[in-house]
Amino acid sequence: MKRATVYFDEDLHQALKLKAFEADRSISDLVNDAVRGSLEEDRLDLEAVRARSGEKTVSYENFLKELKSRGQI
């Protein structure tokens, strides 16, 4: 495990301390879980972008026209 110094806003640090106490976990555990979750979301987003990379693109203007023609806006 690596050590890092992280600076939190005072209110965020207080919230983390309370949550860690209530969950009987350390602030480090909570931060590690949050960072892992964020990185996993990024991975899933990139995977979705790659999966759709071959799709035809549509301009915003044409997209709005299509929605209007279908009565959706």
Protein backbone atom coordinates (compact mmCIF):
# COMPACT_ATOMS: atom_id res chain seq x y z
CA MET A 1 0.00 0.00 0.00
CA LYS A 2 1.24 3.51 -0.86
CA ARG A 3 0.89 6.58 1.32
CA ALA A 4 -0.45 9.88 -0.05
CA THR A 5 -1.44 13.20 1.41
CA VAL A 6 -4.90 14.37 0.41
CA TYR A 7 -6.44 17.68 1.44
CA PHE A 8 -10.21 17.75 1.97
CA ASP A 9 -12.56 20.65 2.47
CA GLU A 10 -13.33 20.90 6.16
CA ASP A 11 -16.98 19.89 5.79
CA LEU A 12 -16.11 16.96 3.54
CA HIS A 13 -13.51 15.73 6.02
CA GLN A 14 -16.05 15.95 8.83
CA ALA A 15 -18.57 13.96 6.79
CA LEU A 16 -15.92 11.32 6.01
CA LYS A 17 -14.97 11.04 9.69
CA LEU A 18 -18.60 10.55 10.67
CA LYS A 19 -19.24 8.01 7.93
CA ALA A 20 -16.06 6.10 8.79
CA PHE A 21 -17.04 6.02 12.46
CA GLU A 22 -20.58 4.84 11.72
CA ALA A 23 -19.36 2.19 9.27
CA ASP A 24 -16.52 1.10 11.57
CA ARG A 25 -14.07 1.68 8.70
CA SER A 26 -11.16 4.02 8.12
CA ILE A 27 -11.28 7.15 6.01
CA SER A 28 -8.63 5.51 3.81
CA ASP A 29 -10.96 2.56 3.17
CA LEU A 30 -13.79 4.89 2.19
CA VAL A 31 -11.56 6.94 -0.12
CA ASN A 32 -10.06 3.82 -1.72
CA ASP A 33 -13.56 2.45 -2.38
CA ALA A 34 -14.70 5.77 -3.86
CA VAL A 35 -11.67 6.01 -6.15
CA ARG A 36 -12.08 2.38 -7.25
CA GLY A 37 -15.74 3.06 -8.02
CA SER A 38 -14.89 6.16 -10.02
CA LEU A 39 -12.21 4.33 -12.02
CA GLU A 40 -14.63 1.47 -12.70
CA GLU A 41 -17.22 3.95 -14.02
CA ASP A 42 -14.56 5.40 -16.31
CA ARG A 43 -13.65 1.93 -17.55
CA LEU A 44 -17.29 1.13 -18.30
CA ASP A 45 -17.74 4.47 -20.08
CA LEU A 46 -14.69 3.84 -22.25
CA GLU A 47 -15.90 0.33 -23.00
CA ALA A 48 -19.28 1.71 -24.11
CA VAL A 49 -17.60 4.31 -26.33
CA ARG A 50 -15.44 1.61 -27.96
CA ALA A 51 -18.47 -0.63 -28.49
CA ARG A 52 -20.33 2.20 -30.25
CA SER A 53 -17.37 3.56 -32.23
CA GLY A 54 -18.66 2.06 -35.47
CA GLU A 55 -22.09 3.63 -35.23
CA LYS A 56 -23.15 6.34 -37.64
CA THR A 57 -23.05 9.81 -36.13
CA VAL A 58 -25.98 12.20 -36.32
CA SER A 59 -25.74 15.96 -36.03
CA TYR A 60 -27.62 17.63 -33.20
CA GLU A 61 -29.75 19.53 -35.70
CA ASN A 62 -30.76 16.34 -37.54
CA PHE A 63 -31.44 14.59 -34.25
CA LEU A 64 -33.84 17.37 -33.23
CA LYS A 65 -35.55 17.23 -36.62
CA GLU A 66 -36.04 13.48 -36.25
CA LEU A 67 -37.52 13.86 -32.76
CA LYS A 68 -39.86 16.57 -34.02
CA SER A 69 -40.98 14.49 -37.01
CA ARG A 70 -41.91 11.66 -34.62
CA GLY A 71 -43.80 14.08 -32.38
CA GLN A 72 -41.46 13.51 -29.46
CA ILE A 73 -40.72 17.22 -29.01
